[in-house]
Amino acid sequence: MVRGDRVDGVEYARRINAAADLVEAGMPATDAAHTMASRYGVSVRQARRYVEQAMAAGRVEVPETSVVFTVKLPGSLAGQVRAHARAREATLSSVVARALAEFLQRDEPGKRSGP
């Protein structure tokens, strides 16, 4: 990894969990940091941050990888979604993902729609 590059959320979670595995196995924090540095090609200082995060909060959930999903919407609806996201300081992706997840959960077979 080139110095200064940041890992994505999935890789970050994997590294925190790897550090948690080492700590949970009884490895001292200093040794865990050196192991992490060697394993992931990062500085001992950065590896120590992973270990400290793992010690403070434990294992973390690995987020699901996002994929591009293109749809065509009426211009007015797209504008409403953009305005909604802007008003909440959220991304379009997060607003649409949440709306679709809520819709699909509400529309599951066997669930009654309406009052």
N, C-alpha and C. Protein backbone atom coordinates (compact mmCIF):
# COMPACT_ATOMS: atom_id res chain seq x y z
N MET A 1 0.84 -1.17 0.00
CA MET A 1 0.00 0.00 0.00
C MET A 1 0.89 1.24 0.00
N VAL A 2 0.52 2.19 -0.81
CA VAL A 2 1.27 3.43 -0.90
C VAL A 2 0.99 4.27 0.34
N ARG A 3 2.02 4.88 0.87
CA ARG A 3 1.86 5.68 2.07
C ARG A 3 0.82 6.78 1.83
N GLY A 4 -0.07 6.96 2.77
CA GLY A 4 -1.08 7.98 2.66
C GLY A 4 -2.41 7.48 2.11
N ASP A 5 -2.43 6.27 1.53
CA ASP A 5 -3.68 5.72 1.04
C ASP A 5 -4.55 5.30 2.22
N ARG A 6 -5.83 5.51 2.07
CA ARG A 6 -6.77 5.08 3.10
C ARG A 6 -7.47 3.82 2.61
N VAL A 7 -7.76 2.95 3.54
CA VAL A 7 -8.49 1.74 3.18
C VAL A 7 -9.98 2.04 3.25
N ASP A 8 -10.78 1.26 2.52
CA ASP A 8 -12.22 1.46 2.56
C ASP A 8 -12.79 0.86 3.85
N GLY A 9 -14.07 1.05 4.05
CA GLY A 9 -14.72 0.60 5.28
C GLY A 9 -14.64 -0.89 5.50
N VAL A 10 -14.72 -1.65 4.41
CA VAL A 10 -14.66 -3.11 4.52
C VAL A 10 -13.28 -3.53 5.01
N GLU A 11 -12.23 -2.99 4.39
CA GLU A 11 -10.87 -3.36 4.78
C GLU A 11 -10.56 -2.88 6.19
N TYR A 12 -11.02 -1.68 6.53
CA TYR A 12 -10.80 -1.16 7.88
C TYR A 12 -11.41 -2.10 8.92
N ALA A 13 -12.65 -2.53 8.69
CA ALA A 13 -13.31 -3.44 9.62
C ALA A 13 -12.55 -4.76 9.72
N ARG A 14 -12.07 -5.26 8.60
CA ARG A 14 -11.31 -6.51 8.63
C ARG A 14 -10.03 -6.36 9.46
N ARG A 15 -9.38 -5.22 9.33
CA ARG A 15 -8.15 -5.00 10.10
C ARG A 15 -8.44 -4.86 11.60
N ILE A 16 -9.50 -4.17 11.94
CA ILE A 16 -9.88 -4.06 13.35
C ILE A 16 -10.17 -5.45 13.91
N ASN A 17 -10.90 -6.25 13.15
CA ASN A 17 -11.24 -7.59 13.60
C ASN A 17 -10.01 -8.49 13.70
N ALA A 18 -9.05 -8.32 12.80
CA ALA A 18 -7.80 -9.09 12.89
C ALA A 18 -7.04 -8.70 14.15
N ALA A 19 -7.02 -7.41 14.45
CA ALA A 19 -6.36 -6.94 15.68
C ALA A 19 -7.09 -7.49 16.90
N ALA A 20 -8.42 -7.51 16.84
CA ALA A 20 -9.20 -8.05 17.96
C ALA A 20 -8.89 -9.53 18.16
N ASP A 21 -8.74 -10.27 17.07
CA ASP A 21 -8.39 -11.69 17.18
C ASP A 21 -7.07 -11.88 17.92
N LEU A 22 -6.08 -11.05 17.57
CA LEU A 22 -4.77 -11.17 18.22
C LEU A 22 -4.86 -10.85 19.70
N VAL A 23 -5.57 -9.77 20.02
CA VAL A 23 -5.69 -9.36 21.42
C VAL A 23 -6.49 -10.40 22.21
N GLU A 24 -7.58 -10.89 21.62
CA GLU A 24 -8.40 -11.90 22.30
C GLU A 24 -7.64 -13.20 22.52
N ALA A 25 -6.64 -13.46 21.66
CA ALA A 25 -5.82 -14.67 21.81
C ALA A 25 -4.76 -14.49 22.90
N GLY A 26 -4.73 -13.30 23.51
CA GLY A 26 -3.79 -13.06 24.60
C GLY A 26 -2.49 -12.42 24.20
N MET A 27 -2.36 -11.99 22.95
CA MET A 27 -1.13 -11.36 22.50
C MET A 27 -1.05 -9.94 23.08
N PRO A 28 0.10 -9.57 23.65
CA PRO A 28 0.27 -8.21 24.15
C PRO A 28 0.09 -7.19 23.03
N ALA A 29 -0.42 -6.01 23.38
CA ALA A 29 -0.73 -4.97 22.38
C ALA A 29 0.47 -4.62 21.52
N THR A 30 1.65 -4.53 22.12
CA THR A 30 2.85 -4.18 21.35
C THR A 30 3.16 -5.24 20.31
N ASP A 31 3.08 -6.50 20.70
CA ASP A 31 3.32 -7.59 19.75
C ASP A 31 2.24 -7.63 18.67
N ALA A 32 1.00 -7.38 19.07
CA ALA A 32 -0.10 -7.37 18.10
C ALA A 32 0.12 -6.27 17.07
N ALA A 33 0.59 -5.11 17.51
CA ALA A 33 0.85 -4.00 16.59
C ALA A 33 1.94 -4.37 15.59
N HIS A 34 3.00 -5.01 16.06
CA HIS A 34 4.08 -5.43 15.15
C HIS A 34 3.59 -6.49 14.16
N THR A 35 2.77 -7.41 14.64
CA THR A 35 2.21 -8.44 13.76
C THR A 35 1.32 -7.80 12.69
N MET A 36 0.47 -6.87 13.12
CA MET A 36 -0.42 -6.18 12.18
C MET A 36 0.37 -5.37 11.16
N ALA A 37 1.42 -4.70 11.61
CA ALA A 37 2.25 -3.89 10.70
C ALA A 37 2.87 -4.77 9.63
N SER A 38 3.36 -5.92 10.04
CA SER A 38 3.98 -6.85 9.09
C SER A 38 2.93 -7.44 8.14
N ARG A 39 1.81 -7.83 8.68
CA ARG A 39 0.76 -8.48 7.89
C ARG A 39 0.16 -7.56 6.83
N TYR A 40 -0.03 -6.29 7.19
CA TYR A 40 -0.74 -5.37 6.29
C TYR A 40 0.16 -4.32 5.64
N GLY A 41 1.45 -4.37 5.92
CA GLY A 41 2.37 -3.43 5.29
C GLY A 41 2.12 -1.99 5.69
N VAL A 42 1.76 -1.79 6.96
CA VAL A 42 1.54 -0.44 7.48
C VAL A 42 2.57 -0.15 8.56
N SER A 43 2.65 1.10 8.96
CA SER A 43 3.58 1.45 10.03
C SER A 43 3.11 0.84 11.35
N VAL A 44 4.04 0.68 12.27
CA VAL A 44 3.69 0.17 13.60
C VAL A 44 2.73 1.15 14.26
N ARG A 45 2.92 2.43 14.01
CA ARG A 45 2.03 3.45 14.59
C ARG A 45 0.59 3.24 14.11
N GLN A 46 0.42 3.02 12.80
CA GLN A 46 -0.93 2.78 12.27
C GLN A 46 -1.49 1.47 12.81
N ALA A 47 -0.65 0.45 12.85
CA ALA A 47 -1.09 -0.85 13.37
C ALA A 47 -1.52 -0.72 14.82
N ARG A 48 -0.81 0.10 15.57
CA ARG A 48 -1.16 0.32 16.98
C ARG A 48 -2.56 0.96 17.08
N ARG A 49 -2.90 1.83 16.13
CA ARG A 49 -4.24 2.43 16.13
C ARG A 49 -5.31 1.35 15.94
N TYR A 50 -5.05 0.41 15.05
CA TYR A 50 -6.00 -0.69 14.86
C TYR A 50 -6.15 -1.49 16.15
N VAL A 51 -5.04 -1.78 16.79
CA VAL A 51 -5.07 -2.55 18.04
C VAL A 51 -5.81 -1.79 19.12
N GLU A 52 -5.54 -0.50 19.25
CA GLU A 52 -6.21 0.32 20.27
C GLU A 52 -7.71 0.37 20.02
N GLN A 53 -8.10 0.51 18.76
CA GLN A 53 -9.53 0.52 18.42
C GLN A 53 -10.17 -0.81 18.78
N ALA A 54 -9.48 -1.90 18.48
CA ALA A 54 -10.00 -3.23 18.79
C ALA A 54 -10.12 -3.43 20.30
N MET A 55 -9.14 -2.93 21.04
CA MET A 55 -9.18 -3.06 22.50
C MET A 55 -10.31 -2.22 23.10
N ALA A 56 -10.57 -1.07 22.52
CA ALA A 56 -11.59 -0.16 23.06
C ALA A 56 -13.01 -0.61 22.73
N ALA A 57 -13.21 -1.06 21.50
CA ALA A 57 -14.58 -1.35 21.06
C ALA A 57 -14.81 -2.79 20.65
N GLY A 58 -13.76 -3.59 20.57
CA GLY A 58 -13.93 -4.98 20.16
C GLY A 58 -14.14 -5.11 18.66
N ARG A 59 -14.68 -6.25 18.29
CA ARG A 59 -14.90 -6.53 16.87
C ARG A 59 -15.96 -5.59 16.31
N VAL A 60 -15.86 -5.33 15.01
CA VAL A 60 -16.83 -4.47 14.34
C VAL A 60 -17.47 -5.24 13.19
N GLU A 61 -18.65 -4.81 12.80
CA GLU A 61 -19.35 -5.45 11.69
C GLU A 61 -18.68 -5.03 10.38
N VAL A 62 -18.45 -5.99 9.51
CA VAL A 62 -17.87 -5.70 8.20
C VAL A 62 -19.02 -5.27 7.29
N PRO A 63 -18.97 -4.02 6.79
CA PRO A 63 -20.07 -3.55 5.96
C PRO A 63 -20.13 -4.29 4.63
N GLU A 64 -21.33 -4.39 4.10
CA GLU A 64 -21.51 -5.03 2.80
C GLU A 64 -20.95 -4.11 1.72
N THR A 65 -20.32 -4.68 0.72
CA THR A 65 -19.77 -3.91 -0.38
C THR A 65 -20.91 -3.33 -1.21
N SER A 66 -20.79 -2.07 -1.58
CA SER A 66 -21.81 -1.40 -2.40
C SER A 66 -21.56 -1.67 -3.88
N VAL A 67 -22.64 -1.67 -4.64
CA VAL A 67 -22.55 -1.83 -6.09
C VAL A 67 -23.30 -0.67 -6.75
N VAL A 68 -22.93 -0.39 -7.97
CA VAL A 68 -23.62 0.65 -8.74
C VAL A 68 -24.94 0.08 -9.23
N PHE A 69 -26.01 0.84 -9.06
CA PHE A 69 -27.35 0.42 -9.45
C PHE A 69 -28.03 1.64 -10.07
N THR A 70 -28.08 1.68 -11.39
CA THR A 70 -28.59 2.85 -12.10
C THR A 70 -30.06 2.67 -12.43
N VAL A 71 -30.86 3.69 -12.13
CA VAL A 71 -32.28 3.69 -12.47
C VAL A 71 -32.65 5.03 -13.09
N LYS A 72 -33.73 5.02 -13.86
CA LYS A 72 -34.25 6.27 -14.41
C LYS A 72 -35.46 6.67 -13.58
N LEU A 73 -35.47 7.93 -13.17
CA LEU A 73 -36.57 8.47 -12.37
C LEU A 73 -37.11 9.72 -13.05
N PRO A 74 -38.38 10.04 -12.79
CA PRO A 74 -38.86 11.33 -13.26
C PRO A 74 -38.02 12.45 -12.64
N GLY A 75 -37.77 13.50 -13.41
CA GLY A 75 -36.94 14.59 -12.93
C GLY A 75 -37.40 15.18 -11.62
N SER A 76 -38.72 15.31 -11.45
CA SER A 76 -39.24 15.90 -10.21
C SER A 76 -38.94 15.02 -9.01
N LEU A 77 -39.04 13.70 -9.17
CA LEU A 77 -38.74 12.78 -8.07
C LEU A 77 -37.26 12.83 -7.73
N ALA A 78 -36.42 12.84 -8.75
CA ALA A 78 -34.97 12.93 -8.51
C ALA A 78 -34.65 14.22 -7.76
N GLY A 79 -35.30 15.31 -8.12
CA GLY A 79 -35.09 16.58 -7.43
C GLY A 79 -35.51 16.51 -5.97
N GLN A 80 -36.62 15.84 -5.71
CA GLN A 80 -37.08 15.69 -4.32
C GLN A 80 -36.10 14.86 -3.50
N VAL A 81 -35.58 13.81 -4.11
CA VAL A 81 -34.61 12.95 -3.39
C VAL A 81 -33.35 13.75 -3.10
N ARG A 82 -32.87 14.51 -4.07
CA ARG A 82 -31.67 15.34 -3.85
C ARG A 82 -31.91 16.36 -2.74
N ALA A 83 -33.05 17.01 -2.77
CA ALA A 83 -33.37 18.02 -1.74
C ALA A 83 -33.45 17.37 -0.36
N HIS A 84 -34.06 16.19 -0.31
CA HIS A 84 -34.18 15.46 0.95
C HIS A 84 -32.79 15.13 1.51
N ALA A 85 -31.92 14.64 0.65
CA ALA A 85 -30.56 14.28 1.07
C ALA A 85 -29.80 15.53 1.53
N ARG A 86 -29.91 16.59 0.77
CA ARG A 86 -29.21 17.83 1.11
C ARG A 86 -29.67 18.37 2.46
N ALA A 87 -30.98 18.35 2.70
CA ALA A 87 -31.54 18.86 3.95
C ALA A 87 -31.06 18.07 5.16
N ARG A 88 -30.74 16.82 4.95
CA ARG A 88 -30.29 15.97 6.06
C ARG A 88 -28.79 15.74 6.07
N GLU A 89 -28.11 16.47 5.17
CA GLU A 89 -26.65 16.32 5.03
C GLU A 89 -26.27 14.86 4.86
N ALA A 90 -27.02 14.17 4.01
CA ALA A 90 -26.79 12.75 3.73
C ALA A 90 -26.44 12.59 2.26
N THR A 91 -25.91 11.44 1.92
CA THR A 91 -25.62 11.16 0.51
C THR A 91 -26.89 10.65 -0.17
N LEU A 92 -26.93 10.82 -1.48
CA LEU A 92 -28.04 10.26 -2.25
C LEU A 92 -28.11 8.75 -2.05
N SER A 93 -26.95 8.11 -2.07
CA SER A 93 -26.91 6.66 -1.92
C SER A 93 -27.52 6.21 -0.60
N SER A 94 -27.19 6.91 0.49
CA SER A 94 -27.72 6.49 1.79
C SER A 94 -29.22 6.71 1.88
N VAL A 95 -29.71 7.80 1.31
CA VAL A 95 -31.15 8.08 1.32
C VAL A 95 -31.91 7.03 0.51
N VAL A 96 -31.42 6.75 -0.69
CA VAL A 96 -32.10 5.78 -1.56
C VAL A 96 -32.02 4.37 -0.96
N ALA A 97 -30.87 4.00 -0.43
CA ALA A 97 -30.71 2.67 0.17
C ALA A 97 -31.69 2.49 1.33
N ARG A 98 -31.78 3.50 2.18
CA ARG A 98 -32.69 3.41 3.33
C ARG A 98 -34.15 3.32 2.86
N ALA A 99 -34.51 4.17 1.89
CA ALA A 99 -35.89 4.16 1.39
C ALA A 99 -36.25 2.81 0.78
N LEU A 100 -35.35 2.26 -0.02
CA LEU A 100 -35.62 0.97 -0.65
C LEU A 100 -35.70 -0.15 0.38
N ALA A 101 -34.81 -0.13 1.36
CA ALA A 101 -34.83 -1.16 2.40
C ALA A 101 -36.15 -1.10 3.18
N GLU A 102 -36.59 0.11 3.53
CA GLU A 102 -37.85 0.25 4.26
C GLU A 102 -39.03 -0.20 3.40
N PHE A 103 -39.02 0.17 2.12
CA PHE A 103 -40.09 -0.24 1.21
C PHE A 103 -40.15 -1.76 1.09
N LEU A 104 -39.02 -2.39 0.88
CA LEU A 104 -38.99 -3.84 0.71
C LEU A 104 -39.41 -4.56 1.98
N GLN A 105 -39.03 -4.04 3.12
CA GLN A 105 -39.42 -4.66 4.39
C GLN A 105 -40.94 -4.55 4.57
N ARG A 106 -41.49 -3.42 4.23
CA ARG A 106 -42.92 -3.18 4.37
C ARG A 106 -43.71 -4.02 3.36
N ASP A 107 -43.12 -4.32 2.22
CA ASP A 107 -43.79 -5.01 1.12
C ASP A 107 -43.51 -6.51 1.09
N GLU A 108 -43.00 -7.07 2.20
CA GLU A 108 -42.68 -8.50 2.24
C GLU A 108 -43.95 -9.33 2.08
N PRO A 109 -43.86 -10.48 1.38
CA PRO A 109 -45.03 -11.35 1.25
C PRO A 109 -45.52 -11.78 2.64
N GLY A 110 -46.83 -11.86 2.78
CA GLY A 110 -47.39 -12.28 4.06
C GLY A 110 -47.70 -11.11 4.97
N LYS A 111 -47.15 -9.94 4.67
CA LYS A 111 -47.47 -8.76 5.47
C LYS A 111 -48.65 -8.06 4.83
N ARG A 112 -49.57 -7.64 5.65
CA ARG A 112 -50.73 -6.91 5.13
C ARG A 112 -50.33 -5.50 4.79
N SER A 113 -50.83 -5.01 3.67
CA SER A 113 -50.60 -3.60 3.35
C SER A 113 -51.87 -2.84 3.70
N GLY A 114 -51.69 -1.66 4.18
CA GLY A 114 -52.83 -0.85 4.56
C GLY A 114 -53.21 -1.06 6.00
N PRO A 115 -54.32 -0.40 6.43
CA PRO A 115 -54.73 -0.46 7.85
C PRO A 115 -55.30 -1.78 8.26
